[in-house]
Protein backbone atom coordinates (compact mmCIF):
# COMPACT_ATOMS: atom_id res chain seq x y z
CA MET A 1 34.12 1.45 -33.00
CA LEU A 2 35.84 1.92 -29.66
CA VAL A 3 32.85 3.88 -28.37
CA ALA A 4 30.49 1.03 -29.32
CA VAL A 5 32.65 -1.50 -27.43
CA PHE A 6 32.73 0.82 -24.40
CA ILE A 7 28.94 1.24 -24.44
CA ALA A 8 28.41 -2.52 -24.81
CA GLY A 9 30.72 -3.08 -21.83
CA LEU A 10 28.76 -0.58 -19.73
CA ILE A 11 25.49 -2.28 -20.64
CA GLY A 12 26.91 -5.68 -19.71
CA LEU A 13 28.24 -4.37 -16.40
CA THR A 14 24.87 -2.79 -15.61
CA VAL A 15 23.03 -6.06 -16.30
CA VAL A 16 25.40 -8.00 -14.02
CA LEU A 17 25.07 -5.46 -11.19
CA VAL A 18 21.27 -5.38 -11.43
CA LYS A 19 21.04 -9.18 -11.31
CA GLN A 20 23.32 -9.31 -8.26
CA SER A 21 21.33 -6.66 -6.40
CA LYS A 22 18.05 -8.59 -6.50
CA PRO A 23 17.02 -10.15 -3.20
CA PRO A 24 17.14 -13.93 -2.98
CA ALA A 25 14.08 -15.79 -4.12
CA ALA A 26 11.55 -16.64 -1.48
CA ALA A 27 11.41 -20.25 -0.38
CA GLN A 28 8.84 -22.42 -2.11
CA LEU A 29 6.06 -23.09 0.39
CA THR A 30 3.25 -25.61 0.19
CA SER A 31 -0.15 -24.05 -0.49
CA ASP A 32 -1.10 -24.40 3.19
CA GLY A 33 2.21 -22.78 4.25
CA HIS A 34 3.21 -25.61 6.56
CA TYR A 35 6.31 -26.76 4.67
CA TRP A 36 9.07 -25.23 2.53
CA TRP A 37 11.28 -26.91 -0.06
CA ASP A 38 15.06 -26.84 0.56
CA GLY A 39 15.97 -28.35 -2.81
CA GLN A 40 15.93 -31.93 -1.55
CA PHE A 41 13.38 -32.22 1.26
CA TRP A 42 10.22 -30.56 2.53
CA ARG A 43 11.00 -28.78 5.82
CA ASP A 44 8.50 -27.93 8.56
CA ALA A 45 8.02 -24.14 8.58
CA GLN A 46 7.02 -24.29 12.26
CA LEU A 47 10.44 -25.71 13.17
CA GLU A 48 12.88 -24.28 10.60
CA VAL A 49 13.21 -20.97 8.78
CA PRO A 50 14.40 -21.02 5.16
CA PRO A 51 17.96 -19.62 5.05
CA THR A 52 17.02 -17.15 2.29
CA ALA A 53 13.92 -15.83 4.09
CA LYS A 54 13.73 -12.11 4.72
CA ARG A 55 13.94 -11.36 8.44
CA SER A 56 12.58 -8.49 10.48
CA ALA A 57 15.03 -5.92 11.81
CA ASP A 58 14.87 -7.42 15.30
CA GLY A 59 15.33 -10.98 13.93
CA HIS A 60 12.20 -12.31 15.63
CA PHE A 61 10.11 -12.77 12.46
CA TRP A 62 10.58 -14.06 8.92
CA TRP A 63 8.58 -13.27 5.75
CA ASP A 64 7.03 -16.23 3.94
CA GLY A 65 5.82 -14.20 0.96
CA ARG A 66 2.36 -13.64 2.45
CA GLN A 67 2.82 -12.92 6.14
CA TRP A 68 5.37 -12.43 8.91
CA ARG A 69 5.97 -15.54 11.02
CA ALA A 70 7.67 -15.90 14.36
CA VAL A 71 11.14 -17.43 14.19
CA PRO A 72 11.05 -20.78 16.06
């Protein structure tokens, strides 16, 4: 019985760690890629970068899910 509880705890811990290690979801962009949704408003992708967007190592570009864009 104790072994079963221990195994269940390990499985639960593994699930939590895997969920936390996933990268943040990409911002929702309009089909033309001009705007992204911040949860309340549509933001201009030419002027603002989504805070969860993946950035290049040098910080000059961000990934929109299809292509790298220059950071404004």
